[in-house]
Amino acid sequence: TGFTAGLIVAWALMLRLHGAYDHRILGHGPEEYKAVATASFQLFAMVAIASYVLRLDLARGYVAMAMPAGIFELLLARWLWRKWLTMHRSSGRMSGSVLVVGDREHLVDLIRALDSVPAAGYRVVAACCSCADRSDIGKVPVVGDEMEAADVAARRGIRADRTQRP
């Protein structure tokens, strides 16, 4: 029982260390599945090595049975949650509000790209560009120029994700 509890805790920690719970990868793209697989294989490699060195028959059984079953169940659960999340994101819920900033020509392409993948969880709510006319870009209102972007974001409650800055 103690070994099982320790294995569960260690698995959760390995998933955390490999970024499997990072909000930027949840629900979209292959990185989520890659993080789960990498964390799982590394954990069970360590368990297998420890089992061999310490001659623990119990741990060998876990490697043979728990790893394939656990990885399969984790990936299946992630896939099911992803389907649920995609359904909600496609209807405009559970998505992050995005303020796009730049020149009009590039913003048209950026807005089109973000709108084409609703499962990614980005919903463009406003734009800031220094074009002469402040007309909307498609269905996105132009609410200021680049210099006003921080103020616009604060007024609209759009949070800066500092983890993506260079």
N, C-alpha and C. Protein backbone atom coordinates (compact mmCIF):
# COMPACT_ATOMS: atom_id res chain seq x y z
N THR A 1 0.82 -1.19 0.00
CA THR A 1 0.00 0.00 0.00
C THR A 1 0.87 1.26 0.00
N GLY A 2 1.91 1.23 0.81
CA GLY A 2 2.81 2.39 0.87
C GLY A 2 3.51 2.63 -0.45
N PHE A 3 3.91 1.52 -1.10
CA PHE A 3 4.57 1.64 -2.40
C PHE A 3 3.62 2.23 -3.44
N THR A 4 2.37 1.78 -3.42
CA THR A 4 1.37 2.28 -4.36
C THR A 4 1.13 3.77 -4.16
N ALA A 5 0.97 4.19 -2.91
CA ALA A 5 0.76 5.61 -2.61
C ALA A 5 1.97 6.43 -3.03
N GLY A 6 3.15 5.93 -2.76
CA GLY A 6 4.37 6.64 -3.17
C GLY A 6 4.50 6.75 -4.68
N LEU A 7 4.11 5.69 -5.37
CA LEU A 7 4.16 5.70 -6.84
C LEU A 7 3.19 6.73 -7.41
N ILE A 8 2.01 6.82 -6.85
CA ILE A 8 1.02 7.81 -7.32
C ILE A 8 1.54 9.22 -7.10
N VAL A 9 2.09 9.49 -5.93
CA VAL A 9 2.63 10.82 -5.63
C VAL A 9 3.81 11.13 -6.55
N ALA A 10 4.70 10.15 -6.72
CA ALA A 10 5.86 10.36 -7.60
C ALA A 10 5.41 10.61 -9.04
N TRP A 11 4.39 9.91 -9.49
CA TRP A 11 3.89 10.09 -10.85
C TRP A 11 3.32 11.49 -11.03
N ALA A 12 2.54 11.93 -10.06
CA ALA A 12 1.97 13.29 -10.14
C ALA A 12 3.08 14.33 -10.14
N LEU A 13 4.12 14.13 -9.35
CA LEU A 13 5.24 15.07 -9.32
C LEU A 13 6.00 15.07 -10.65
N MET A 14 6.19 13.91 -11.23
CA MET A 14 6.88 13.84 -12.52
C MET A 14 6.05 14.54 -13.60
N LEU A 15 4.75 14.35 -13.57
CA LEU A 15 3.89 15.05 -14.54
C LEU A 15 4.02 16.56 -14.37
N ARG A 16 4.04 17.02 -13.12
CA ARG A 16 4.19 18.46 -12.85
C ARG A 16 5.55 18.95 -13.35
N LEU A 17 6.61 18.21 -13.06
CA LEU A 17 7.96 18.61 -13.48
C LEU A 17 8.09 18.70 -14.99
N HIS A 18 7.37 17.87 -15.71
CA HIS A 18 7.45 17.86 -17.17
C HIS A 18 6.41 18.78 -17.83
N GLY A 19 5.71 19.56 -17.03
CA GLY A 19 4.79 20.55 -17.57
C GLY A 19 3.47 20.00 -18.08
N ALA A 20 3.07 18.83 -17.61
CA ALA A 20 1.82 18.22 -18.09
C ALA A 20 0.58 18.97 -17.61
N TYR A 21 0.74 19.85 -16.62
CA TYR A 21 -0.40 20.62 -16.11
C TYR A 21 -0.33 22.09 -16.54
N ASP A 22 0.59 22.42 -17.41
CA ASP A 22 0.77 23.80 -17.87
C ASP A 22 -0.45 24.24 -18.68
N HIS A 23 -1.06 25.35 -18.28
CA HIS A 23 -2.28 25.82 -18.95
C HIS A 23 -2.06 26.15 -20.42
N ARG A 24 -0.82 26.43 -20.81
CA ARG A 24 -0.56 26.78 -22.21
C ARG A 24 -0.62 25.57 -23.15
N ILE A 25 -0.47 24.37 -22.62
CA ILE A 25 -0.50 23.19 -23.49
C ILE A 25 -1.75 22.34 -23.29
N LEU A 26 -2.51 22.61 -22.25
CA LEU A 26 -3.70 21.80 -21.99
C LEU A 26 -4.74 21.99 -23.08
N GLY A 27 -5.21 20.91 -23.62
CA GLY A 27 -6.33 20.95 -24.54
C GLY A 27 -6.01 21.18 -26.00
N HIS A 28 -4.73 21.37 -26.33
CA HIS A 28 -4.42 21.65 -27.74
C HIS A 28 -2.98 21.26 -28.05
N GLY A 29 -2.79 20.60 -29.16
CA GLY A 29 -1.46 20.26 -29.64
C GLY A 29 -0.91 18.99 -29.02
N PRO A 30 0.18 18.50 -29.60
CA PRO A 30 0.77 17.23 -29.15
C PRO A 30 1.62 17.35 -27.88
N GLU A 31 1.99 18.56 -27.49
CA GLU A 31 2.89 18.73 -26.34
C GLU A 31 2.30 18.16 -25.05
N GLU A 32 0.99 18.23 -24.91
CA GLU A 32 0.34 17.69 -23.71
C GLU A 32 0.59 16.18 -23.60
N TYR A 33 0.37 15.47 -24.69
CA TYR A 33 0.57 14.02 -24.69
C TYR A 33 2.05 13.67 -24.54
N LYS A 34 2.91 14.47 -25.15
CA LYS A 34 4.35 14.24 -25.06
C LYS A 34 4.82 14.38 -23.61
N ALA A 35 4.32 15.39 -22.91
CA ALA A 35 4.71 15.60 -21.51
C ALA A 35 4.28 14.42 -20.63
N VAL A 36 3.07 13.92 -20.86
CA VAL A 36 2.57 12.77 -20.09
C VAL A 36 3.42 11.54 -20.36
N ALA A 37 3.70 11.26 -21.61
CA ALA A 37 4.47 10.07 -21.97
C ALA A 37 5.90 10.16 -21.44
N THR A 38 6.54 11.31 -21.61
CA THR A 38 7.93 11.47 -21.16
C THR A 38 8.03 11.33 -19.65
N ALA A 39 7.15 11.99 -18.93
CA ALA A 39 7.17 11.89 -17.47
C ALA A 39 6.95 10.45 -17.01
N SER A 40 6.02 9.78 -17.63
CA SER A 40 5.69 8.40 -17.24
C SER A 40 6.86 7.45 -17.52
N PHE A 41 7.43 7.54 -18.70
CA PHE A 41 8.54 6.65 -19.05
C PHE A 41 9.75 6.91 -18.16
N GLN A 42 10.03 8.18 -17.85
CA GLN A 42 11.17 8.46 -16.99
C GLN A 42 10.94 7.94 -15.57
N LEU A 43 9.74 8.11 -15.05
CA LEU A 43 9.45 7.59 -13.71
C LEU A 43 9.61 6.08 -13.67
N PHE A 44 9.02 5.40 -14.63
CA PHE A 44 9.08 3.95 -14.59
C PHE A 44 10.46 3.42 -14.93
N ALA A 45 11.26 4.18 -15.65
CA ALA A 45 12.65 3.79 -15.85
C ALA A 45 13.39 3.85 -14.52
N MET A 46 13.13 4.90 -13.75
CA MET A 46 13.77 5.01 -12.43
C MET A 46 13.29 3.89 -11.50
N VAL A 47 11.99 3.56 -11.55
CA VAL A 47 11.46 2.47 -10.74
C VAL A 47 12.08 1.15 -11.16
N ALA A 48 12.23 0.92 -12.45
CA ALA A 48 12.82 -0.32 -12.94
C ALA A 48 14.28 -0.45 -12.50
N ILE A 49 15.01 0.64 -12.59
CA ILE A 49 16.42 0.61 -12.16
C ILE A 49 16.51 0.35 -10.67
N ALA A 50 15.70 1.05 -9.88
CA ALA A 50 15.70 0.84 -8.43
C ALA A 50 15.28 -0.59 -8.10
N SER A 51 14.31 -1.11 -8.82
CA SER A 51 13.84 -2.48 -8.61
C SER A 51 14.96 -3.48 -8.88
N TYR A 52 15.69 -3.25 -9.94
CA TYR A 52 16.78 -4.16 -10.29
C TYR A 52 17.91 -4.09 -9.24
N VAL A 53 18.29 -2.87 -8.90
CA VAL A 53 19.39 -2.68 -7.96
C VAL A 53 19.03 -3.22 -6.57
N LEU A 54 17.81 -2.97 -6.13
CA LEU A 54 17.37 -3.39 -4.79
C LEU A 54 16.73 -4.77 -4.77
N ARG A 55 16.58 -5.38 -5.95
CA ARG A 55 15.99 -6.70 -6.10
C ARG A 55 14.59 -6.77 -5.48
N LEU A 56 13.76 -5.83 -5.87
CA LEU A 56 12.38 -5.77 -5.38
C LEU A 56 11.45 -6.39 -6.41
N ASP A 57 10.90 -7.54 -6.11
CA ASP A 57 9.99 -8.21 -7.04
C ASP A 57 8.68 -7.43 -7.19
N LEU A 58 8.24 -6.78 -6.13
CA LEU A 58 7.00 -6.01 -6.17
C LEU A 58 7.10 -4.89 -7.21
N ALA A 59 8.20 -4.19 -7.21
CA ALA A 59 8.37 -3.06 -8.13
C ALA A 59 8.41 -3.53 -9.59
N ARG A 60 8.98 -4.69 -9.85
CA ARG A 60 9.01 -5.21 -11.22
C ARG A 60 7.60 -5.46 -11.73
N GLY A 61 6.75 -5.98 -10.87
CA GLY A 61 5.35 -6.18 -11.26
C GLY A 61 4.65 -4.88 -11.58
N TYR A 62 4.97 -3.84 -10.83
CA TYR A 62 4.39 -2.53 -11.11
C TYR A 62 4.85 -2.01 -12.46
N VAL A 63 6.10 -2.20 -12.76
CA VAL A 63 6.61 -1.72 -14.04
C VAL A 63 5.92 -2.46 -15.17
N ALA A 64 5.75 -3.76 -15.01
CA ALA A 64 5.14 -4.57 -16.06
C ALA A 64 3.65 -4.32 -16.23
N MET A 65 2.95 -4.01 -15.15
CA MET A 65 1.49 -3.86 -15.21
C MET A 65 1.03 -2.39 -15.12
N ALA A 66 1.58 -1.67 -14.15
CA ALA A 66 1.08 -0.32 -13.88
C ALA A 66 1.45 0.68 -14.97
N MET A 67 2.65 0.56 -15.50
CA MET A 67 3.06 1.54 -16.50
C MET A 67 2.18 1.53 -17.74
N PRO A 68 2.02 0.40 -18.41
CA PRO A 68 1.18 0.43 -19.61
C PRO A 68 -0.27 0.81 -19.31
N ALA A 69 -0.81 0.24 -18.23
CA ALA A 69 -2.20 0.57 -17.88
C ALA A 69 -2.33 2.03 -17.48
N GLY A 70 -1.40 2.51 -16.68
CA GLY A 70 -1.45 3.90 -16.22
C GLY A 70 -1.29 4.91 -17.34
N ILE A 71 -0.34 4.67 -18.22
CA ILE A 71 -0.13 5.58 -19.35
C ILE A 71 -1.35 5.58 -20.26
N PHE A 72 -1.87 4.39 -20.53
CA PHE A 72 -3.07 4.30 -21.37
C PHE A 72 -4.23 5.08 -20.75
N GLU A 73 -4.45 4.88 -19.46
CA GLU A 73 -5.56 5.56 -18.79
C GLU A 73 -5.34 7.07 -18.71
N LEU A 74 -4.11 7.50 -18.45
CA LEU A 74 -3.82 8.94 -18.43
C LEU A 74 -4.07 9.58 -19.80
N LEU A 75 -3.58 8.92 -20.85
CA LEU A 75 -3.77 9.48 -22.19
C LEU A 75 -5.24 9.45 -22.60
N LEU A 76 -5.95 8.40 -22.24
CA LEU A 76 -7.38 8.34 -22.53
C LEU A 76 -8.14 9.45 -21.79
N ALA A 77 -7.82 9.64 -20.51
CA ALA A 77 -8.47 10.69 -19.74
C ALA A 77 -8.17 12.07 -20.33
N ARG A 78 -6.92 12.30 -20.72
CA ARG A 78 -6.56 13.58 -21.35
C ARG A 78 -7.33 13.78 -22.65
N TRP A 79 -7.44 12.72 -23.43
CA TRP A 79 -8.16 12.81 -24.70
C TRP A 79 -9.64 13.13 -24.47
N LEU A 80 -10.26 12.48 -23.49
CA LEU A 80 -11.67 12.76 -23.18
C LEU A 80 -11.85 14.18 -22.67
N TRP A 81 -10.97 14.63 -21.77
CA TRP A 81 -11.05 16.01 -21.28
C TRP A 81 -10.84 17.00 -22.42
N ARG A 82 -9.94 16.65 -23.34
CA ARG A 82 -9.67 17.54 -24.48
C ARG A 82 -10.92 17.67 -25.34
N LYS A 83 -11.64 16.58 -25.58
CA LYS A 83 -12.88 16.64 -26.36
C LYS A 83 -13.90 17.53 -25.66
N TRP A 84 -14.02 17.38 -24.35
CA TRP A 84 -14.96 18.19 -23.57
C TRP A 84 -14.56 19.67 -23.64
N LEU A 85 -13.27 19.94 -23.45
CA LEU A 85 -12.78 21.32 -23.48
C LEU A 85 -12.94 21.94 -24.87
N THR A 86 -12.66 21.19 -25.91
CA THR A 86 -12.81 21.68 -27.28
C THR A 86 -14.26 22.03 -27.57
N MET A 87 -15.19 21.22 -27.07
CA MET A 87 -16.61 21.50 -27.26
C MET A 87 -16.96 22.85 -26.62
N HIS A 88 -16.47 23.09 -25.42
CA HIS A 88 -16.75 24.36 -24.75
C HIS A 88 -16.04 25.53 -25.42
N ARG A 89 -14.79 25.34 -25.82
CA ARG A 89 -14.05 26.41 -26.47
C ARG A 89 -14.65 26.76 -27.82
N SER A 90 -15.17 25.79 -28.53
CA SER A 90 -15.78 26.05 -29.84
C SER A 90 -17.01 26.93 -29.71
N SER A 91 -17.67 26.87 -28.56
CA SER A 91 -18.84 27.71 -28.35
C SER A 91 -18.47 29.02 -27.64
N GLY A 92 -17.15 29.31 -27.52
CA GLY A 92 -16.72 30.59 -26.96
C GLY A 92 -16.48 30.60 -25.47
N ARG A 93 -16.67 29.49 -24.80
CA ARG A 93 -16.43 29.43 -23.36
C ARG A 93 -15.04 28.85 -23.09
N MET A 94 -14.56 29.07 -21.88
CA MET A 94 -13.30 28.50 -21.40
C MET A 94 -12.11 28.85 -22.29
N SER A 95 -12.12 30.05 -22.82
CA SER A 95 -11.03 30.54 -23.66
C SER A 95 -10.48 31.81 -23.06
N GLY A 96 -9.22 32.06 -23.33
CA GLY A 96 -8.60 33.29 -22.86
C GLY A 96 -8.85 34.43 -23.81
N SER A 97 -9.13 35.60 -23.25
CA SER A 97 -9.32 36.80 -24.06
C SER A 97 -7.96 37.32 -24.52
N VAL A 98 -7.90 37.69 -25.78
CA VAL A 98 -6.62 38.12 -26.37
C VAL A 98 -6.79 39.51 -26.96
N LEU A 99 -5.83 40.38 -26.66
CA LEU A 99 -5.71 41.69 -27.29
C LEU A 99 -4.54 41.58 -28.25
N VAL A 100 -4.79 41.74 -29.55
CA VAL A 100 -3.71 41.66 -30.53
C VAL A 100 -3.18 43.06 -30.80
N VAL A 101 -1.86 43.15 -30.95
CA VAL A 101 -1.20 44.45 -31.12
C VAL A 101 -0.22 44.34 -32.29
N GLY A 102 -0.25 45.34 -33.16
CA GLY A 102 0.68 45.36 -34.29
C GLY A 102 0.12 46.16 -35.44
N ASP A 103 0.73 45.99 -36.61
CA ASP A 103 0.22 46.71 -37.78
C ASP A 103 -0.95 45.93 -38.36
N ARG A 104 -1.85 46.66 -38.99
CA ARG A 104 -3.12 46.10 -39.47
C ARG A 104 -2.93 44.88 -40.38
N GLU A 105 -1.96 44.97 -41.28
CA GLU A 105 -1.73 43.88 -42.24
C GLU A 105 -1.44 42.56 -41.52
N HIS A 106 -0.59 42.59 -40.50
CA HIS A 106 -0.25 41.37 -39.78
C HIS A 106 -1.38 40.93 -38.84
N LEU A 107 -2.12 41.89 -38.31
CA LEU A 107 -3.20 41.53 -37.39
C LEU A 107 -4.32 40.77 -38.11
N VAL A 108 -4.57 41.11 -39.36
CA VAL A 108 -5.59 40.39 -40.12
C VAL A 108 -5.25 38.90 -40.17
N ASP A 109 -3.98 38.61 -40.49
CA ASP A 109 -3.55 37.21 -40.55
C ASP A 109 -3.56 36.54 -39.18
N LEU A 110 -3.12 37.28 -38.16
CA LEU A 110 -3.08 36.72 -36.81
C LEU A 110 -4.48 36.41 -36.30
N ILE A 111 -5.41 37.31 -36.49
CA ILE A 111 -6.79 37.10 -36.06
C ILE A 111 -7.39 35.90 -36.80
N ARG A 112 -7.15 35.83 -38.09
CA ARG A 112 -7.65 34.70 -38.88
C ARG A 112 -7.08 33.38 -38.35
N ALA A 113 -5.78 33.37 -38.05
CA ALA A 113 -5.13 32.14 -37.55
C ALA A 113 -5.70 31.74 -36.19
N LEU A 114 -5.85 32.70 -35.29
CA LEU A 114 -6.39 32.37 -33.96
C LEU A 114 -7.85 31.93 -34.03
N ASP A 115 -8.63 32.56 -34.90
CA ASP A 115 -10.04 32.19 -35.04
C ASP A 115 -10.21 30.82 -35.71
N SER A 116 -9.22 30.41 -36.50
CA SER A 116 -9.36 29.14 -37.23
C SER A 116 -9.16 27.92 -36.32
N VAL A 117 -8.64 28.12 -35.12
CA VAL A 117 -8.38 27.01 -34.21
C VAL A 117 -9.01 27.32 -32.85
N PRO A 118 -10.33 27.24 -32.73
CA PRO A 118 -10.96 27.58 -31.44
C PRO A 118 -10.53 26.63 -30.32
N ALA A 119 -10.10 25.43 -30.65
CA ALA A 119 -9.68 24.47 -29.63
C ALA A 119 -8.43 24.94 -28.89
N ALA A 120 -7.68 25.89 -29.47
CA ALA A 120 -6.48 26.41 -28.82
C ALA A 120 -6.84 27.27 -27.61
N GLY A 121 -8.05 27.79 -27.57
CA GLY A 121 -8.48 28.54 -26.41
C GLY A 121 -8.16 30.02 -26.42
N TYR A 122 -7.99 30.61 -27.58
CA TYR A 122 -7.72 32.04 -27.68
C TYR A 122 -8.88 32.72 -28.39
N ARG A 123 -9.46 33.73 -27.75
CA ARG A 123 -10.58 34.47 -28.32
C ARG A 123 -10.15 35.93 -28.43
N VAL A 124 -9.99 36.40 -29.67
CA VAL A 124 -9.55 37.78 -29.89
C VAL A 124 -10.72 38.71 -29.61
N VAL A 125 -10.53 39.62 -28.63
CA VAL A 125 -11.62 40.52 -28.24
C VAL A 125 -11.39 41.95 -28.68
N ALA A 126 -10.14 42.31 -28.99
CA ALA A 126 -9.86 43.68 -29.40
C ALA A 126 -8.48 43.73 -30.07
N ALA A 127 -8.25 44.86 -30.77
CA ALA A 127 -6.97 45.05 -31.44
C ALA A 127 -6.48 46.46 -31.19
N CYS A 128 -5.17 46.60 -31.17
CA CYS A 128 -4.53 47.91 -31.10
C CYS A 128 -3.56 48.01 -32.27
N CYS A 129 -3.79 49.01 -33.13
CA CYS A 129 -2.88 49.25 -34.24
C CYS A 129 -2.88 50.73 -34.57
N SER A 130 -1.78 51.18 -35.17
CA SER A 130 -1.64 52.61 -35.46
C SER A 130 -2.05 52.94 -36.88
N CYS A 131 -3.14 52.34 -37.34
CA CYS A 131 -3.62 52.65 -38.67
C CYS A 131 -4.44 53.94 -38.61
N ALA A 132 -4.51 54.62 -39.72
CA ALA A 132 -5.22 55.91 -39.76
C ALA A 132 -6.70 55.75 -39.45
N ASP A 133 -7.32 54.75 -40.04
CA ASP A 133 -8.75 54.56 -39.74
C ASP A 133 -8.90 53.50 -38.65
N ARG A 134 -9.75 53.75 -37.74
CA ARG A 134 -9.94 52.86 -36.58
C ARG A 134 -11.09 51.89 -36.82
N SER A 135 -11.30 51.50 -38.08
CA SER A 135 -12.39 50.58 -38.36
C SER A 135 -12.04 49.19 -37.84
N ASP A 136 -13.05 48.39 -37.64
CA ASP A 136 -12.86 47.04 -37.13
C ASP A 136 -12.04 46.20 -38.10
N ILE A 137 -11.35 45.21 -37.55
CA ILE A 137 -10.65 44.22 -38.37
C ILE A 137 -11.53 42.98 -38.32
N GLY A 138 -12.32 42.81 -39.37
CA GLY A 138 -13.32 41.75 -39.35
C GLY A 138 -14.35 42.06 -38.29
N LYS A 139 -14.51 41.18 -37.34
CA LYS A 139 -15.45 41.41 -36.24
C LYS A 139 -14.74 41.89 -34.97
N VAL A 140 -13.45 42.18 -35.06
CA VAL A 140 -12.66 42.61 -33.91
C VAL A 140 -12.54 44.12 -33.92
N PRO A 141 -12.97 44.78 -32.84
CA PRO A 141 -12.87 46.25 -32.80
C PRO A 141 -11.43 46.72 -32.57
N VAL A 142 -11.05 47.78 -33.28
CA VAL A 142 -9.77 48.43 -33.05
C VAL A 142 -10.04 49.49 -31.99
N VAL A 143 -9.40 49.34 -30.82
CA VAL A 143 -9.73 50.19 -29.68
C VAL A 143 -8.61 51.14 -29.28
N GLY A 144 -7.54 51.16 -30.04
CA GLY A 144 -6.44 52.07 -29.72
C GLY A 144 -5.24 51.75 -30.59
N ASP A 145 -4.14 52.49 -30.32
CA ASP A 145 -2.92 52.19 -31.05
C ASP A 145 -1.98 51.38 -30.16
N GLU A 146 -0.81 51.04 -30.70
CA GLU A 146 0.12 50.19 -29.97
C GLU A 146 0.53 50.79 -28.63
N MET A 147 0.65 52.10 -28.57
CA MET A 147 1.09 52.76 -27.34
C MET A 147 0.04 52.65 -26.22
N GLU A 148 -1.20 52.42 -26.59
CA GLU A 148 -2.28 52.32 -25.61
C GLU A 148 -2.59 50.88 -25.20
N ALA A 149 -1.86 49.93 -25.73
CA ALA A 149 -2.19 48.51 -25.54
C ALA A 149 -2.26 48.10 -24.07
N ALA A 150 -1.30 48.54 -23.26
CA ALA A 150 -1.30 48.16 -21.84
C ALA A 150 -2.53 48.72 -21.13
N ASP A 151 -2.88 49.97 -21.43
CA ASP A 151 -4.07 50.57 -20.81
C ASP A 151 -5.35 49.88 -21.26
N VAL A 152 -5.42 49.56 -22.54
CA VAL A 152 -6.60 48.86 -23.07
C VAL A 152 -6.73 47.50 -22.41
N ALA A 153 -5.62 46.79 -22.30
CA ALA A 153 -5.65 45.46 -21.66
C ALA A 153 -6.12 45.57 -20.22
N ALA A 154 -5.64 46.56 -19.50
CA ALA A 154 -6.05 46.74 -18.10
C ALA A 154 -7.53 47.07 -18.00
N ARG A 155 -8.01 47.96 -18.88
CA ARG A 155 -9.43 48.32 -18.85
C ARG A 155 -10.33 47.15 -19.17
N ARG A 156 -9.89 46.28 -20.06
CA ARG A 156 -10.70 45.14 -20.48
C ARG A 156 -10.46 43.89 -19.65
N GLY A 157 -9.55 43.96 -18.71
CA GLY A 157 -9.28 42.80 -17.85
C GLY A 157 -8.51 41.68 -18.53
N ILE A 158 -7.72 42.04 -19.52
CA ILE A 158 -6.91 41.05 -20.23
C ILE A 158 -5.57 40.98 -19.52
N ARG A 159 -5.24 39.79 -19.04
CA ARG A 159 -4.04 39.56 -18.24
C ARG A 159 -2.87 39.25 -19.15
N ALA A 160 -1.72 39.86 -18.88
CA ALA A 160 -0.50 39.57 -19.64
C ALA A 160 0.07 38.25 -19.14
N ASP A 161 0.43 37.40 -20.06
CA ASP A 161 1.06 36.12 -19.71
C ASP A 161 2.56 36.33 -19.78
N ARG A 162 3.16 36.63 -18.68
CA ARG A 162 4.58 36.97 -18.62
C ARG A 162 5.48 35.78 -18.92
N THR A 163 4.96 34.58 -18.88
CA THR A 163 5.79 33.40 -19.12
C THR A 163 6.14 33.24 -20.59
N GLN A 164 5.49 33.98 -21.48
CA GLN A 164 5.77 33.83 -22.90
C GLN A 164 6.65 34.93 -23.44
N ARG A 165 7.09 35.85 -22.60
CA ARG A 165 7.98 36.89 -23.08
C ARG A 165 9.38 36.33 -23.24
N PRO A 166 10.13 36.86 -24.22
CA PRO A 166 11.51 36.37 -24.42
C PRO A 166 12.42 36.78 -23.29
